[in-house]
Amino acid sequence: MRYLIALFALVGFASLSACNTVEGLGQDIKKGGEAIEKAAK
């Protein structure tokens, strides 16, 4: 039972950190796109 609880806790923390990583990646892509747009003007 403790093993199952630990597994769910680990998966929960991993998914939360993954969301932050994906959000950060989206912001980086947005900034890259803005830089390309600025260079094109």
PDB file of N, CA and C in Angstrom:
ATOM      1  N   MET A   1       0.824  -1.196   0.000  1.00  0.00           N
ATOM      2  CA  MET A   1       0.000   0.000   0.000  1.00  0.00           C
ATOM      3  C   MET A   1       0.871   1.264   0.000  1.00  0.00           C
ATOM      4  N   ARG A   2       1.925   1.280   0.796  1.00  0.00           N
ATOM      5  CA  ARG A   2       2.812   2.446   0.830  1.00  0.00           C
ATOM      6  C   ARG A   2       3.493   2.643  -0.518  1.00  0.00           C
ATOM      7  N   TYR A   3       3.824   1.520  -1.169  1.00  0.00           N
ATOM      8  CA  TYR A   3       4.465   1.596  -2.487  1.00  0.00           C
ATOM      9  C   TYR A   3       3.539   2.267  -3.495  1.00  0.00           C
ATOM     10  N   LEU A   4       2.263   1.935  -3.445  1.00  0.00           N
ATOM     11  CA  LEU A   4       1.284   2.516  -4.366  1.00  0.00           C
ATOM     12  C   LEU A   4       1.108   4.015  -4.113  1.00  0.00           C
ATOM     13  N   ILE A   5       1.051   4.403  -2.860  1.00  0.00           N
ATOM     14  CA  ILE A   5       0.915   5.823  -2.515  1.00  0.00           C
ATOM     15  C   ILE A   5       2.154   6.600  -2.970  1.00  0.00           C
ATOM     16  N   ALA A   6       3.329   6.015  -2.747  1.00  0.00           N
ATOM     17  CA  ALA A   6       4.565   6.669  -3.169  1.00  0.00           C
ATOM     18  C   ALA A   6       4.605   6.813  -4.685  1.00  0.00           C
ATOM     19  N   LEU A   7       4.135   5.803  -5.387  1.00  0.00           N
ATOM     20  CA  LEU A   7       4.115   5.845  -6.852  1.00  0.00           C
ATOM     21  C   LEU A   7       3.193   6.957  -7.352  1.00  0.00           C
ATOM     22  N   PHE A   8       2.000   7.058  -6.770  1.00  0.00           N
ATOM     23  CA  PHE A   8       1.072   8.125  -7.178  1.00  0.00           C
ATOM     24  C   PHE A   8       1.633   9.508  -6.855  1.00  0.00           C
ATOM     25  N   ALA A   9       2.297   9.640  -5.717  1.00  0.00           N
ATOM     26  CA  ALA A   9       2.901  10.925  -5.356  1.00  0.00           C
ATOM     27  C   ALA A   9       3.997  11.294  -6.349  1.00  0.00           C
ATOM     28  N   LEU A  10       4.811  10.325  -6.725  1.00  0.00           N
ATOM     29  CA  LEU A  10       5.886  10.571  -7.681  1.00  0.00           C
ATOM     30  C   LEU A  10       5.341  10.983  -9.045  1.00  0.00           C
ATOM     31  N   VAL A  11       4.317  10.297  -9.498  1.00  0.00           N
ATOM     32  CA  VAL A  11       3.698  10.638 -10.789  1.00  0.00           C
ATOM     33  C   VAL A  11       3.078  12.027 -10.734  1.00  0.00           C
ATOM     34  N   GLY A  12       2.461  12.361  -9.609  1.00  0.00           N
ATOM     35  CA  GLY A  12       1.852  13.691  -9.449  1.00  0.00           C
ATOM     36  C   GLY A  12       2.885  14.797  -9.508  1.00  0.00           C
ATOM     37  N   PHE A  13       3.998  14.615  -8.784  1.00  0.00           N
ATOM     38  CA  PHE A  13       5.049  15.639  -8.812  1.00  0.00           C
ATOM     39  C   PHE A  13       5.682  15.748 -10.196  1.00  0.00           C
ATOM     40  N   ALA A  14       5.858  14.619 -10.867  1.00  0.00           N
ATOM     41  CA  ALA A  14       6.452  14.640 -12.200  1.00  0.00           C
ATOM     42  C   ALA A  14       5.551  15.374 -13.189  1.00  0.00           C
ATOM     43  N   SER A  15       4.254  15.159 -13.084  1.00  0.00           N
ATOM     44  CA  SER A  15       3.338  15.832 -14.011  1.00  0.00           C
ATOM     45  C   SER A  15       3.285  17.332 -13.747  1.00  0.00           C
ATOM     46  N   LEU A  16       3.381  17.740 -12.488  1.00  0.00           N
ATOM     47  CA  LEU A  16       3.389  19.166 -12.174  1.00  0.00           C
ATOM     48  C   LEU A  16       4.647  19.839 -12.716  1.00  0.00           C
ATOM     49  N   SER A  17       5.769  19.185 -12.579  1.00  0.00           N
ATOM     50  CA  SER A  17       7.006  19.779 -13.082  1.00  0.00           C
ATOM     51  C   SER A  17       7.018  19.789 -14.603  1.00  0.00           C
ATOM     52  N   ALA A  18       6.395  18.802 -15.217  1.00  0.00           N
ATOM     53  CA  ALA A  18       6.325  18.756 -16.676  1.00  0.00           C
ATOM     54  C   ALA A  18       5.474  19.910 -17.203  1.00  0.00           C
ATOM     55  N   CYS A  19       4.418  20.253 -16.507  1.00  0.00           N
ATOM     56  CA  CYS A  19       3.578  21.373 -16.937  1.00  0.00           C
ATOM     57  C   CYS A  19       4.385  22.668 -16.944  1.00  0.00           C
ATOM     58  N   ASN A  20       5.175  22.865 -15.933  1.00  0.00           N
ATOM     59  CA  ASN A  20       6.000  24.068 -15.869  1.00  0.00           C
ATOM     60  C   ASN A  20       7.019  24.072 -16.997  1.00  0.00           C
ATOM     61  N   THR A  21       7.562  22.912 -17.325  1.00  0.00           N
ATOM     62  CA  THR A  21       8.550  22.824 -18.400  1.00  0.00           C
ATOM     63  C   THR A  21       7.906  23.152 -19.743  1.00  0.00           C
ATOM     64  N   VAL A  22       6.736  22.610 -19.988  1.00  0.00           N
ATOM     65  CA  VAL A  22       6.037  22.868 -21.253  1.00  0.00           C
ATOM     66  C   VAL A  22       5.656  24.336 -21.351  1.00  0.00           C
ATOM     67  N   GLU A  23       5.230  24.913 -20.243  1.00  0.00           N
ATOM     68  CA  GLU A  23       4.872  26.334 -20.243  1.00  0.00           C
ATOM     69  C   GLU A  23       6.097  27.191 -20.557  1.00  0.00           C
ATOM     70  N   GLY A  24       7.217  26.856 -19.968  1.00  0.00           N
ATOM     71  CA  GLY A  24       8.459  27.591 -20.229  1.00  0.00           C
ATOM     72  C   GLY A  24       8.893  27.448 -21.676  1.00  0.00           C
ATOM     73  N   LEU A  25       8.717  26.256 -22.234  1.00  0.00           N
ATOM     74  CA  LEU A  25       9.068  26.025 -23.634  1.00  0.00           C
ATOM     75  C   LEU A  25       8.187  26.875 -24.548  1.00  0.00           C
ATOM     76  N   GLY A  26       6.903  26.967 -24.224  1.00  0.00           N
ATOM     77  CA  GLY A  26       5.991  27.793 -25.017  1.00  0.00           C
ATOM     78  C   GLY A  26       6.391  29.260 -24.985  1.00  0.00           C
ATOM     79  N   GLN A  27       6.831  29.730 -23.834  1.00  0.00           N
ATOM     80  CA  GLN A  27       7.266  31.129 -23.730  1.00  0.00           C
ATOM     81  C   GLN A  27       8.530  31.360 -24.537  1.00  0.00           C
ATOM     82  N   ASP A  28       9.445  30.384 -24.537  1.00  0.00           N
ATOM     83  CA  ASP A  28      10.676  30.513 -25.315  1.00  0.00           C
ATOM     84  C   ASP A  28      10.370  30.558 -26.809  1.00  0.00           C
ATOM     85  N   ILE A  29       9.449  29.720 -27.252  1.00  0.00           N
ATOM     86  CA  ILE A  29       9.073  29.704 -28.670  1.00  0.00           C
ATOM     87  C   ILE A  29       8.428  31.028 -29.056  1.00  0.00           C
ATOM     88  N   LYS A  30       7.589  31.561 -28.169  1.00  0.00           N
ATOM     89  CA  LYS A  30       6.933  32.848 -28.430  1.00  0.00           C
ATOM     90  C   LYS A  30       7.965  33.963 -28.577  1.00  0.00           C
ATOM     91  N   LYS A  31       8.942  33.986 -27.684  1.00  0.00           N
ATOM     92  CA  LYS A  31       9.983  35.017 -27.754  1.00  0.00           C
ATOM     93  C   LYS A  31      10.816  34.853 -29.027  1.00  0.00           C
ATOM     94  N   GLY A  32      11.076  33.627 -29.417  1.00  0.00           N
ATOM     95  CA  GLY A  32      11.804  33.383 -30.658  1.00  0.00           C
ATOM     96  C   GLY A  32      11.037  33.887 -31.865  1.00  0.00           C
ATOM     97  N   GLY A  33       9.738  33.655 -31.869  1.00  0.00           N
ATOM     98  CA  GLY A  33       8.894  34.141 -32.953  1.00  0.00           C
ATOM     99  C   GLY A  33       8.847  35.654 -33.010  1.00  0.00           C
ATOM    100  N   GLU A  34       8.808  36.279 -31.855  1.00  0.00           N
ATOM    101  CA  GLU A  34       8.811  37.742 -31.816  1.00  0.00           C
ATOM    102  C   GLU A  34      10.125  38.303 -32.346  1.00  0.00           C
ATOM    103  N   ALA A  35      11.226  37.629 -32.025  1.00  0.00           N
ATOM    104  CA  ALA A  35      12.537  38.093 -32.516  1.00  0.00           C
ATOM    105  C   ALA A  35      12.620  37.964 -34.034  1.00  0.00           C
ATOM    106  N   ILE A  36      12.091  36.886 -34.577  1.00  0.00           N
ATOM    107  CA  ILE A  36      12.090  36.691 -36.031  1.00  0.00           C
ATOM    108  C   ILE A  36      11.219  37.747 -36.706  1.00  0.00           C
ATOM    109  N   GLU A  37      10.057  38.010 -36.102  1.00  0.00           N
ATOM    110  CA  GLU A  37       9.155  39.030 -36.660  1.00  0.00           C
ATOM    111  C   GLU A  37       9.812  40.402 -36.639  1.00  0.00           C
ATOM    112  N   LYS A  38      10.505  40.718 -35.559  1.00  0.00           N
ATOM    113  CA  LYS A  38      11.180  42.012 -35.444  1.00  0.00           C
ATOM    114  C   LYS A  38      12.296  42.136 -36.482  1.00  0.00           C
ATOM    115  N   ALA A  39      13.026  41.033 -36.702  1.00  0.00           N
ATOM    116  CA  ALA A  39      14.108  41.057 -37.682  1.00  0.00           C
ATOM    117  C   ALA A  39      13.565  41.196 -39.106  1.00  0.00           C
ATOM    118  N   ALA A  40      12.385  40.662 -39.356  1.00  0.00           N
ATOM    119  CA  ALA A  40      11.791  40.750 -40.686  1.00  0.00           C
ATOM    120  C   ALA A  40      11.348  42.168 -41.018  1.00  0.00           C
ATOM    121  N   LYS A  41      10.985  42.929 -40.001  1.00  0.00           N
ATOM    122  CA  LYS A  41      10.549  44.324 -40.226  1.00  0.00           C
ATOM    123  C   LYS A  41      11.773  45.153 -40.467  1.00  0.00           C
TER     124      LYS A  41
END
